[in-house]
PDB file of N, CA and C in Angstrom:
ATOM      1  N   MET A   1       0.818  -1.195   0.000  1.00  0.00           N
ATOM      2  CA  MET A   1       0.000   0.000   0.000  1.00  0.00           C
ATOM      3  C   MET A   1       0.860   1.256   0.000  1.00  0.00           C
ATOM      4  N   LYS A   2       1.997   1.227   0.714  1.00  0.00           N
ATOM      5  CA  LYS A   2       2.842   2.412   0.772  1.00  0.00           C
ATOM      6  C   LYS A   2       3.344   2.803  -0.609  1.00  0.00           C
ATOM      7  N   MET A   3       3.762   1.812  -1.410  1.00  0.00           N
ATOM      8  CA  MET A   3       4.283   2.122  -2.734  1.00  0.00           C
ATOM      9  C   MET A   3       3.190   2.690  -3.617  1.00  0.00           C
ATOM     10  N   SER A   4       1.963   2.142  -3.542  1.00  0.00           N
ATOM     11  CA  SER A   4       0.896   2.670  -4.387  1.00  0.00           C
ATOM     12  C   SER A   4       0.510   4.076  -3.946  1.00  0.00           C
ATOM     13  N   PHE A   5       0.636   4.381  -2.657  1.00  0.00           N
ATOM     14  CA  PHE A   5       0.350   5.724  -2.168  1.00  0.00           C
ATOM     15  C   PHE A   5       1.344   6.719  -2.752  1.00  0.00           C
ATOM     16  N   VAL A   6       2.627   6.352  -2.769  1.00  0.00           N
ATOM     17  CA  VAL A   6       3.656   7.209  -3.372  1.00  0.00           C
ATOM     18  C   VAL A   6       3.393   7.338  -4.868  1.00  0.00           C
ATOM     19  N   SER A   7       2.976   6.245  -5.507  1.00  0.00           N
ATOM     20  CA  SER A   7       2.666   6.304  -6.936  1.00  0.00           C
ATOM     21  C   SER A   7       1.529   7.275  -7.207  1.00  0.00           C
ATOM     22  N   LEU A   8       0.528   7.286  -6.324  1.00  0.00           N
ATOM     23  CA  LEU A   8      -0.579   8.226  -6.471  1.00  0.00           C
ATOM     24  C   LEU A   8      -0.076   9.659  -6.349  1.00  0.00           C
ATOM     25  N   ALA A   9       0.810   9.890  -5.400  1.00  0.00           N
ATOM     26  CA  ALA A   9       1.362  11.236  -5.230  1.00  0.00           C
ATOM     27  C   ALA A   9       2.146  11.658  -6.464  1.00  0.00           C
ATOM     28  N   ILE A  10       2.902  10.739  -7.036  1.00  0.00           N
ATOM     29  CA  ILE A  10       3.669  11.055  -8.244  1.00  0.00           C
ATOM     30  C   ILE A  10       2.727  11.324  -9.412  1.00  0.00           C
ATOM     31  N   ALA A  11       1.654  10.539  -9.514  1.00  0.00           N
ATOM     32  CA  ALA A  11       0.679  10.779 -10.579  1.00  0.00           C
ATOM     33  C   ALA A  11       0.068  12.163 -10.440  1.00  0.00           C
ATOM     34  N   ALA A  12      -0.219  12.565  -9.223  1.00  0.00           N
ATOM     35  CA  ALA A  12      -0.754  13.905  -8.997  1.00  0.00           C
ATOM     36  C   ALA A  12       0.273  14.954  -9.400  1.00  0.00           C
ATOM     37  N   LEU A  13       1.511  14.700  -9.056  1.00  0.00           N
ATOM     38  CA  LEU A  13       2.599  15.605  -9.406  1.00  0.00           C
ATOM     39  C   LEU A  13       2.706  15.780 -10.909  1.00  0.00           C
ATOM     40  N   VAL A  14       2.679  14.685 -11.639  1.00  0.00           N
ATOM     41  CA  VAL A  14       2.806  14.744 -13.098  1.00  0.00           C
ATOM     42  C   VAL A  14       1.622  15.453 -13.717  1.00  0.00           C
ATOM     43  N   SER A  15       0.412  15.180 -13.237  1.00  0.00           N
ATOM     44  CA  SER A  15      -0.762  15.818 -13.836  1.00  0.00           C
ATOM     45  C   SER A  15      -0.776  17.314 -13.581  1.00  0.00           C
ATOM     46  N   ILE A  16      -0.308  17.734 -12.436  1.00  0.00           N
ATOM     47  CA  ILE A  16      -0.296  19.160 -12.137  1.00  0.00           C
ATOM     48  C   ILE A  16       0.835  19.851 -12.878  1.00  0.00           C
ATOM     49  N   ALA A  17       1.898  19.126 -13.183  1.00  0.00           N
ATOM     50  CA  ALA A  17       3.033  19.721 -13.893  1.00  0.00           C
ATOM     51  C   ALA A  17       2.665  20.149 -15.304  1.00  0.00           C
ATOM     52  N   ALA A  18       1.565  19.639 -15.834  1.00  0.00           N
ATOM     53  CA  ALA A  18       1.175  19.949 -17.200  1.00  0.00           C
ATOM     54  C   ALA A  18       0.299  21.191 -17.302  1.00  0.00           C
ATOM     55  N   VAL A  19       0.250  21.984 -16.267  1.00  0.00           N
ATOM     56  CA  VAL A  19      -0.608  23.168 -16.244  1.00  0.00           C
ATOM     57  C   VAL A  19      -0.098  24.218 -17.226  1.00  0.00           C
ATOM     58  N   SER A  20      -1.011  24.840 -17.960  1.00  0.00           N
ATOM     59  CA  SER A  20      -0.627  25.903 -18.871  1.00  0.00           C
ATOM     60  C   SER A  20      -0.514  27.228 -18.120  1.00  0.00           C
ATOM     61  N   ASP A  21      -0.027  28.252 -18.809  1.00  0.00           N
ATOM     62  CA  ASP A  21       0.157  29.548 -18.173  1.00  0.00           C
ATOM     63  C   ASP A  21      -1.134  30.079 -17.575  1.00  0.00           C
ATOM     64  N   ALA A  22      -1.074  30.469 -16.349  1.00  0.00           N
ATOM     65  CA  ALA A  22      -2.163  31.098 -15.616  1.00  0.00           C
ATOM     66  C   ALA A  22      -1.518  31.742 -14.406  1.00  0.00           C
ATOM     67  N   SER A  23      -2.163  32.732 -13.842  1.00  0.00           N
ATOM     68  CA  SER A  23      -1.522  33.425 -12.731  1.00  0.00           C
ATOM     69  C   SER A  23      -1.535  32.593 -11.454  1.00  0.00           C
ATOM     70  N   ALA A  24      -2.635  31.948 -11.122  1.00  0.00           N
ATOM     71  CA  ALA A  24      -2.704  31.111  -9.918  1.00  0.00           C
ATOM     72  C   ALA A  24      -3.863  30.138 -10.055  1.00  0.00           C
ATOM     73  N   TRP A  25      -3.755  29.001  -9.383  1.00  0.00           N
ATOM     74  CA  TRP A  25      -4.811  28.003  -9.449  1.00  0.00           C
ATOM     75  C   TRP A  25      -4.802  27.140  -8.192  1.00  0.00           C
ATOM     76  N   GLN A  26      -5.928  26.500  -7.961  1.00  0.00           N
ATOM     77  CA  GLN A  26      -6.068  25.537  -6.871  1.00  0.00           C
ATOM     78  C   GLN A  26      -6.895  24.370  -7.378  1.00  0.00           C
ATOM     79  N   ARG A  27      -6.571  23.172  -6.899  1.00  0.00           N
ATOM     80  CA  ARG A  27      -7.332  21.981  -7.273  1.00  0.00           C
ATOM     81  C   ARG A  27      -7.491  21.090  -6.062  1.00  0.00           C
ATOM     82  N   HIS A  28      -8.589  20.375  -6.035  1.00  0.00           N
ATOM     83  CA  HIS A  28      -8.789  19.388  -4.983  1.00  0.00           C
ATOM     84  C   HIS A  28      -9.671  18.279  -5.523  1.00  0.00           C
ATOM     85  N   GLY A  29      -9.551  17.113  -4.937  1.00  0.00           N
ATOM     86  CA  GLY A  29     -10.355  15.993  -5.392  1.00  0.00           C
ATOM     87  C   GLY A  29     -10.401  14.883  -4.361  1.00  0.00           C
ATOM     88  N   THR A  30     -11.381  14.024  -4.520  1.00  0.00           N
ATOM     89  CA  THR A  30     -11.554  12.880  -3.632  1.00  0.00           C
ATOM     90  C   THR A  30     -11.823  11.646  -4.480  1.00  0.00           C
ATOM     91  N   VAL A  31     -11.155  10.566  -4.147  1.00  0.00           N
ATOM     92  CA  VAL A  31     -11.396   9.275  -4.786  1.00  0.00           C
ATOM     93  C   VAL A  31     -11.969   8.353  -3.721  1.00  0.00           C
ATOM     94  N   THR A  32     -13.096   7.722  -4.021  1.00  0.00           N
ATOM     95  CA  THR A  32     -13.680   6.759  -3.090  1.00  0.00           C
ATOM     96  C   THR A  32     -13.341   5.354  -3.574  1.00  0.00           C
ATOM     97  N   LEU A  33     -12.694   4.607  -2.708  1.00  0.00           N
ATOM     98  CA  LEU A  33     -12.288   3.240  -3.028  1.00  0.00           C
ATOM     99  C   LEU A  33     -13.482   2.299  -2.906  1.00  0.00           C
ATOM    100  N   PRO A  34     -13.394   1.101  -3.506  1.00  0.00           N
ATOM    101  CA  PRO A  34     -14.496   0.137  -3.390  1.00  0.00           C
ATOM    102  C   PRO A  34     -14.876  -0.158  -1.933  1.00  0.00           C
ATOM    103  N   SER A  35     -13.914  -0.035  -1.025  1.00  0.00           N
ATOM    104  CA  SER A  35     -14.173  -0.285   0.392  1.00  0.00           C
ATOM    105  C   SER A  35     -14.953   0.852   1.053  1.00  0.00           C
ATOM    106  N   GLY A  36     -15.122   1.969   0.317  1.00  0.00           N
ATOM    107  CA  GLY A  36     -15.801   3.133   0.876  1.00  0.00           C
ATOM    108  C   GLY A  36     -14.851   4.138   1.500  1.00  0.00           C
ATOM    109  N   ARG A  37     -13.587   3.764   1.662  1.00  0.00           N
ATOM    110  CA  ARG A  37     -12.593   4.697   2.211  1.00  0.00           C
ATOM    111  C   ARG A  37     -12.170   5.673   1.119  1.00  0.00           C
ATOM    112  N   THR A  38     -11.592   6.787   1.509  1.00  0.00           N
ATOM    113  CA  THR A  38     -11.288   7.835   0.531  1.00  0.00           C
ATOM    114  C   THR A  38      -9.812   8.219   0.517  1.00  0.00           C
ATOM    115  N   ILE A  39      -9.420   8.765  -0.622  1.00  0.00           N
ATOM    116  CA  ILE A  39      -8.121   9.397  -0.809  1.00  0.00           C
ATOM    117  C   ILE A  39      -8.420  10.826  -1.237  1.00  0.00           C
ATOM    118  N   ASN A  40      -7.851  11.793  -0.536  1.00  0.00           N
ATOM    119  CA  ASN A  40      -8.090  13.208  -0.827  1.00  0.00           C
ATOM    120  C   ASN A  40      -6.810  13.865  -1.314  1.00  0.00           C
ATOM    121  N   SER A  41      -6.952  14.755  -2.285  1.00  0.00           N
ATOM    122  CA  SER A  41      -5.794  15.498  -2.772  1.00  0.00           C
ATOM    123  C   SER A  41      -6.142  16.971  -2.883  1.00  0.00           C
ATOM    124  N   GLN A  42      -5.136  17.787  -2.694  1.00  0.00           N
ATOM    125  CA  GLN A  42      -5.294  19.214  -2.912  1.00  0.00           C
ATOM    126  C   GLN A  42      -3.953  19.786  -3.342  1.00  0.00           C
ATOM    127  N   GLY A  43      -4.024  20.754  -4.216  1.00  0.00           N
ATOM    128  CA  GLY A  43      -2.804  21.346  -4.721  1.00  0.00           C
ATOM    129  C   GLY A  43      -3.045  22.776  -5.160  1.00  0.00           C
ATOM    130  N   SER A  44      -1.971  23.502  -5.294  1.00  0.00           N
ATOM    131  CA  SER A  44      -2.066  24.881  -5.763  1.00  0.00           C
ATOM    132  C   SER A  44      -0.777  25.232  -6.482  1.00  0.00           C
ATOM    133  N   GLY A  45      -0.831  26.315  -7.206  1.00  0.00           N
ATOM    134  CA  GLY A  45       0.351  26.763  -7.921  1.00  0.00           C
ATOM    135  C   GLY A  45       0.150  28.123  -8.533  1.00  0.00           C
ATOM    136  N   SER A  46       1.198  28.604  -9.128  1.00  0.00           N
ATOM    137  CA  SER A  46       1.131  29.891  -9.813  1.00  0.00           C
ATOM    138  C   SER A  46       2.130  29.893 -10.956  1.00  0.00           C
ATOM    139  N   CYS A  47       1.832  30.692 -11.955  1.00  0.00           N
ATOM    140  CA  CYS A  47       2.684  30.779 -13.133  1.00  0.00           C
ATOM    141  C   CYS A  47       2.959  32.235 -13.482  1.00  0.00           C
ATOM    142  N   ALA A  48       4.147  32.487 -13.974  1.00  0.00           N
ATOM    143  CA  ALA A  48       4.518  33.813 -14.462  1.00  0.00           C
ATOM    144  C   ALA A  48       5.762  33.685 -15.321  1.00  0.00           C
ATOM    145  N   ASN A  49       5.796  34.421 -16.404  1.00  0.00           N
ATOM    146  CA  ASN A  49       6.987  34.504 -17.258  1.00  0.00           C
ATOM    147  C   ASN A  49       7.512  33.145 -17.708  1.00  0.00           C
ATOM    148  N   GLY A  50       6.617  32.238 -18.089  1.00  0.00           N
ATOM    149  CA  GLY A  50       7.027  30.946 -18.614  1.00  0.00           C
ATOM    150  C   GLY A  50       7.426  29.924 -17.566  1.00  0.00           C
ATOM    151  N   SER A  51       7.167  30.205 -16.310  1.00  0.00           N
ATOM    152  CA  SER A  51       7.535  29.279 -15.241  1.00  0.00           C
ATOM    153  C   SER A  51       6.359  29.077 -14.298  1.00  0.00           C
ATOM    154  N   CYS A  52       6.130  27.827 -13.881  1.00  0.00           N
ATOM    155  CA  CYS A  52       5.068  27.509 -12.935  1.00  0.00           C
ATOM    156  C   CYS A  52       5.651  26.772 -11.741  1.00  0.00           C
ATOM    157  N   ASN A  53       5.172  27.094 -10.569  1.00  0.00           N
ATOM    158  CA  ASN A  53       5.530  26.391  -9.346  1.00  0.00           C
ATOM    159  C   ASN A  53       4.261  25.786  -8.778  1.00  0.00           C
ATOM    160  N   TYR A  54       4.347  24.587  -8.214  1.00  0.00           N
ATOM    161  CA  TYR A  54       3.169  23.907  -7.709  1.00  0.00           C
ATOM    162  C   TYR A  54       3.522  23.080  -6.475  1.00  0.00           C
ATOM    163  N   GLY A  55       2.515  22.736  -5.723  1.00  0.00           N
ATOM    164  CA  GLY A  55       2.706  21.889  -4.560  1.00  0.00           C
ATOM    165  C   GLY A  55       1.371  21.454  -4.012  1.00  0.00           C
ATOM    166  N   GLY A  56       1.390  20.448  -3.163  1.00  0.00           N
ATOM    167  CA  GLY A  56       0.152  19.992  -2.570  1.00  0.00           C
ATOM    168  C   GLY A  56       0.345  18.772  -1.713  1.00  0.00           C
ATOM    169  N   THR A  57      -0.782  18.179  -1.319  1.00  0.00           N
ATOM    170  CA  THR A  57      -0.777  17.003  -0.469  1.00  0.00           C
ATOM    171  C   THR A  57      -1.773  15.974  -0.973  1.00  0.00           C
ATOM    172  N   VAL A  58      -1.498  14.727  -0.646  1.00  0.00           N
ATOM    173  CA  VAL A  58      -2.421  13.622  -0.893  1.00  0.00           C
ATOM    174  C   VAL A  58      -2.551  12.879   0.428  1.00  0.00           C
ATOM    175  N   THR A  59      -3.787  12.721   0.910  1.00  0.00           N
ATOM    176  CA  THR A  59      -4.035  12.014   2.160  1.00  0.00           C
ATOM    177  C   THR A  59      -4.669  10.665   1.843  1.00  0.00           C
ATOM    178  N   GLY A  60      -4.020   9.603   2.259  1.00  0.00           N
ATOM    179  CA  GLY A  60      -4.481   8.257   1.964  1.00  0.00           C
ATOM    180  C   GLY A  60      -5.578   7.786   2.901  1.00  0.00           C
ATOM    181  N   PRO A  61      -6.122   6.619   2.627  1.00  0.00           N
ATOM    182  CA  PRO A  61      -7.246   6.109   3.409  1.00  0.00           C
ATOM    183  C   PRO A  61      -6.902   5.801   4.864  1.00  0.00           C
ATOM    184  N   ASN A  62      -5.624   5.619   5.172  1.00  0.00           N
ATOM    185  CA  ASN A  62      -5.216   5.373   6.555  1.00  0.00           C
ATOM    186  C   ASN A  62      -4.751   6.636   7.256  1.00  0.00           C
ATOM    187  N   GLY A  63      -4.904   7.788   6.599  1.00  0.00           N
ATOM    188  CA  GLY A  63      -4.515   9.055   7.200  1.00  0.00           C
ATOM    189  C   GLY A  63      -3.098   9.486   6.908  1.00  0.00           C
ATOM    190  N   GLY A  64      -2.328   8.665   6.214  1.00  0.00           N
ATOM    191  CA  GLY A  64      -0.963   9.045   5.853  1.00  0.00           C
ATOM    192  C   GLY A  64      -0.981  10.164   4.826  1.00  0.00           C
ATOM    193  N   VAL A  65      -0.040  11.077   4.951  1.00  0.00           N
ATOM    194  CA  VAL A  65       0.007  12.235   4.059  1.00  0.00           C
ATOM    195  C   VAL A  65       1.288  12.227   3.237  1.00  0.00           C
ATOM    196  N   ALA A  66       1.139  12.396   1.929  1.00  0.00           N
ATOM    197  CA  ALA A  66       2.271  12.582   1.026  1.00  0.00           C
ATOM    198  C   ALA A  66       2.231  14.024   0.538  1.00  0.00           C
ATOM    199  N   THR A  67       3.389  14.627   0.402  1.00  0.00           N
ATOM    200  CA  THR A  67       3.472  15.987  -0.119  1.00  0.00           C
ATOM    201  C   THR A  67       4.235  15.966  -1.436  1.00  0.00           C
ATOM    202  N   TYR A  68       3.946  16.912  -2.284  1.00  0.00           N
ATOM    203  CA  TYR A  68       4.656  17.016  -3.549  1.00  0.00           C
ATOM    204  C   TYR A  68       4.827  18.483  -3.905  1.00  0.00           C
ATOM    205  N   GLY A  69       5.799  18.759  -4.754  1.00  0.00           N
ATOM    206  CA  GLY A  69       6.025  20.119  -5.203  1.00  0.00           C
ATOM    207  C   GLY A  69       7.078  20.147  -6.290  1.00  0.00           C
ATOM    208  N   GLY A  70       7.129  21.247  -6.990  1.00  0.00           N
ATOM    209  CA  GLY A  70       8.123  21.376  -8.038  1.00  0.00           C
ATOM    210  C   GLY A  70       7.871  22.573  -8.922  1.00  0.00           C
ATOM    211  N   SER A  71       8.509  22.544 -10.076  1.00  0.00           N
ATOM    212  CA  SER A  71       8.388  23.660 -11.011  1.00  0.00           C
ATOM    213  C   SER A  71       8.496  23.156 -12.445  1.00  0.00           C
ATOM    214  N   VAL A  72       7.927  23.935 -13.349  1.00  0.00           N
ATOM    215  CA  VAL A  72       8.025  23.698 -14.788  1.00  0.00           C
ATOM    216  C   VAL A  72       8.404  25.025 -15.422  1.00  0.00           C
ATOM    217  N   THR A  73       9.435  25.025 -16.254  1.00  0.00           N
ATOM    218  CA  THR A  73       9.877  26.238 -16.930  1.00  0.00           C
ATOM    219  C   THR A  73      10.004  25.961 -18.421  1.00  0.00           C
ATOM    220  N   CYS A  74       9.470  26.855 -19.222  1.00  0.00           N
ATOM    221  CA  CYS A  74       9.576  26.734 -20.683  1.00  0.00           C
ATOM    222  C   CYS A  74      10.328  27.943 -21.234  1.00  0.00           C
ATOM    223  N   TYR A  75      11.289  27.670 -22.123  1.00  0.00           N
ATOM    224  CA  TYR A  75      12.067  28.738 -22.738  1.00  0.00           C
ATOM    225  C   TYR A  75      12.501  28.277 -24.116  1.00  0.00           C
ATOM    226  N   GLN A  76      12.195  29.057 -25.127  1.00  0.00           N
ATOM    227  CA  GLN A  76      12.577  28.805 -26.516  1.00  0.00           C
ATOM    228  C   GLN A  76      12.234  27.375 -26.964  1.00  0.00           C
ATOM    229  N   GLY A  77      11.008  26.952 -26.658  1.00  0.00           N
ATOM    230  CA  GLY A  77      10.528  25.668 -27.131  1.00  0.00           C
ATOM    231  C   GLY A  77      10.947  24.451 -26.324  1.00  0.00           C
ATOM    232  N   VAL A  78      11.676  24.657 -25.245  1.00  0.00           N
ATOM    233  CA  VAL A  78      12.082  23.540 -24.387  1.00  0.00           C
ATOM    234  C   VAL A  78      11.492  23.750 -23.003  1.00  0.00           C
ATOM    235  N   CYS A  79      10.758  22.747 -22.528  1.00  0.00           N
ATOM    236  CA  CYS A  79      10.175  22.806 -21.184  1.00  0.00           C
ATOM    237  C   CYS A  79      10.894  21.805 -20.295  1.00  0.00           C
ATOM    238  N   THR A  80      11.307  22.253 -19.128  1.00  0.00           N
ATOM    239  CA  THR A  80      11.960  21.382 -18.158  1.00  0.00           C
ATOM    240  C   THR A  80      11.133  21.370 -16.877  1.00  0.00           C
ATOM    241  N   SER A  81      11.139  20.224 -16.216  1.00  0.00           N
ATOM    242  CA  SER A  81      10.398  20.117 -14.964  1.00  0.00           C
ATOM    243  C   SER A  81      11.260  19.444 -13.912  1.00  0.00           C
ATOM    244  N   ASN A  82      11.078  19.865 -12.702  1.00  0.00           N
ATOM    245  CA  ASN A  82      11.754  19.280 -11.545  1.00  0.00           C
ATOM    246  C   ASN A  82      10.723  19.188 -10.435  1.00  0.00           C
ATOM    247  N   GLY A  83      10.711  18.067  -9.741  1.00  0.00           N
ATOM    248  CA  GLY A  83       9.759  17.934  -8.658  1.00  0.00           C
ATOM    249  C   GLY A  83      10.114  16.789  -7.745  1.00  0.00           C
ATOM    250  N   SER A  84       9.408  16.736  -6.632  1.00  0.00           N
ATOM    251  CA  SER A  84       9.619  15.653  -5.686  1.00  0.00           C
ATOM    252  C   SER A  84       8.319  15.344  -4.961  1.00  0.00           C
ATOM    253  N   ALA A  85       8.240  14.141  -4.441  1.00  0.00           N
ATOM    254  CA  ALA A  85       7.108  13.716  -3.621  1.00  0.00           C
ATOM    255  C   ALA A  85       7.677  12.980  -2.422  1.00  0.00           C
ATOM    256  N   THR A  86       7.143  13.285  -1.240  1.00  0.00           N
ATOM    257  CA  THR A  86       7.570  12.627  -0.015  1.00  0.00           C
ATOM    258  C   THR A  86       6.385  11.892   0.580  1.00  0.00           C
ATOM    259  N   GLY A  87       6.550  10.600   0.786  1.00  0.00           N
ATOM    260  CA  GLY A  87       5.474   9.775   1.308  1.00  0.00           C
ATOM    261  C   GLY A  87       5.346   9.868   2.810  1.00  0.00           C
ATOM    262  N   PRO A  88       4.322   9.217   3.349  1.00  0.00           N
ATOM    263  CA  PRO A  88       4.057   9.297   4.784  1.00  0.00           C
ATOM    264  C   PRO A  88       5.177   8.709   5.649  1.00  0.00           C
ATOM    265  N   ALA A  89       5.984   7.812   5.083  1.00  0.00           N
ATOM    266  CA  ALA A  89       7.096   7.236   5.842  1.00  0.00           C
ATOM    267  C   ALA A  89       8.358   8.098   5.752  1.00  0.00           C
ATOM    268  N   GLY A  90       8.266   9.223   5.036  1.00  0.00           N
ATOM    269  CA  GLY A  90       9.402  10.127   4.932  1.00  0.00           C
ATOM    270  C   GLY A  90      10.332   9.867   3.762  1.00  0.00           C
ATOM    271  N   ARG A  91      10.016   8.891   2.936  1.00  0.00           N
ATOM    272  CA  ARG A  91      10.849   8.624   1.758  1.00  0.00           C
ATOM    273  C   ARG A  91      10.506   9.610   0.660  1.00  0.00           C
ATOM    274  N   THR A  92      11.524  10.091  -0.029  1.00  0.00           N
ATOM    275  CA  THR A  92      11.330  11.086  -1.078  1.00  0.00           C
ATOM    276  C   THR A  92      11.715  10.519  -2.432  1.00  0.00           C
ATOM    277  N   VAL A  93      10.883  10.809  -3.424  1.00  0.00           N
ATOM    278  CA  VAL A  93      11.159  10.447  -4.811  1.00  0.00           C
ATOM    279  C   VAL A  93      11.313  11.749  -5.578  1.00  0.00           C
ATOM    280  N   GLN A  94      12.399  11.881  -6.333  1.00  0.00           N
ATOM    281  CA  GLN A  94      12.611  13.079  -7.136  1.00  0.00           C
ATOM    282  C   GLN A  94      12.549  12.711  -8.603  1.00  0.00           C
ATOM    283  N   ARG A  95      12.098  13.664  -9.400  1.00  0.00           N
ATOM    284  CA  ARG A  95      12.061  13.431 -10.841  1.00  0.00           C
ATOM    285  C   ARG A  95      12.350  14.734 -11.550  1.00  0.00           C
ATOM    286  N   SER A  96      12.879  14.599 -12.747  1.00  0.00           N
ATOM    287  CA  SER A  96      13.129  15.760 -13.596  1.00  0.00           C
ATOM    288  C   SER A  96      13.062  15.293 -15.039  1.00  0.00           C
ATOM    289  N   GLY A  97      12.835  16.227 -15.915  1.00  0.00           N
ATOM    290  CA  GLY A  97      12.776  15.882 -17.320  1.00  0.00           C
ATOM    291  C   GLY A  97      12.623  17.116 -18.172  1.00  0.00           C
ATOM    292  N   SER A  98      12.703  16.910 -19.471  1.00  0.00           N
ATOM    293  CA  SER A  98      12.508  18.010 -20.397  1.00  0.00           C
ATOM    294  C   SER A  98      11.857  17.478 -21.661  1.00  0.00           C
ATOM    295  N   ILE A  99      11.227  18.388 -22.374  1.00  0.00           N
ATOM    296  CA  ILE A  99      10.586  18.041 -23.633  1.00  0.00           C
ATOM    297  C   ILE A  99      10.740  19.230 -24.575  1.00  0.00           C
ATOM    298  N   SER A 100      10.964  18.933 -25.841  1.00  0.00           N
ATOM    299  CA  SER A 100      11.074  19.991 -26.865  1.00  0.00           C
ATOM    300  C   SER A 100       9.800  20.027 -27.678  1.00  0.00           C
ATOM    301  N   ARG A 101       9.384  21.214 -28.032  1.00  0.00           N
ATOM    302  CA  ARG A 101       8.189  21.366 -28.862  1.00  0.00           C
ATOM    303  C   ARG A 101       8.563  21.287 -30.316  1.00  0.00           C
TER     304      ARG A 101
END
């Protein structure tokens, strides 16, 4: 369960990293599992001058909290992203990448 919780946090991180230019935003959501228990997520971020910063939390069905955050910067057709997610046990996963248009 711990690994899937971190995977969920990373999925949230990746989906939020794809945000287009906007001054500020907030998102939240709830997933109800077949057992009736829930996973809650919330995040926020802001963008200016081709760069976005974001962060948030994911709370699992057992109350464990994962945090995530990072940035995406685009310049001359190349977008780079850097981010990390820390699970409820304190383990951190970092990721980075770039894409050319």
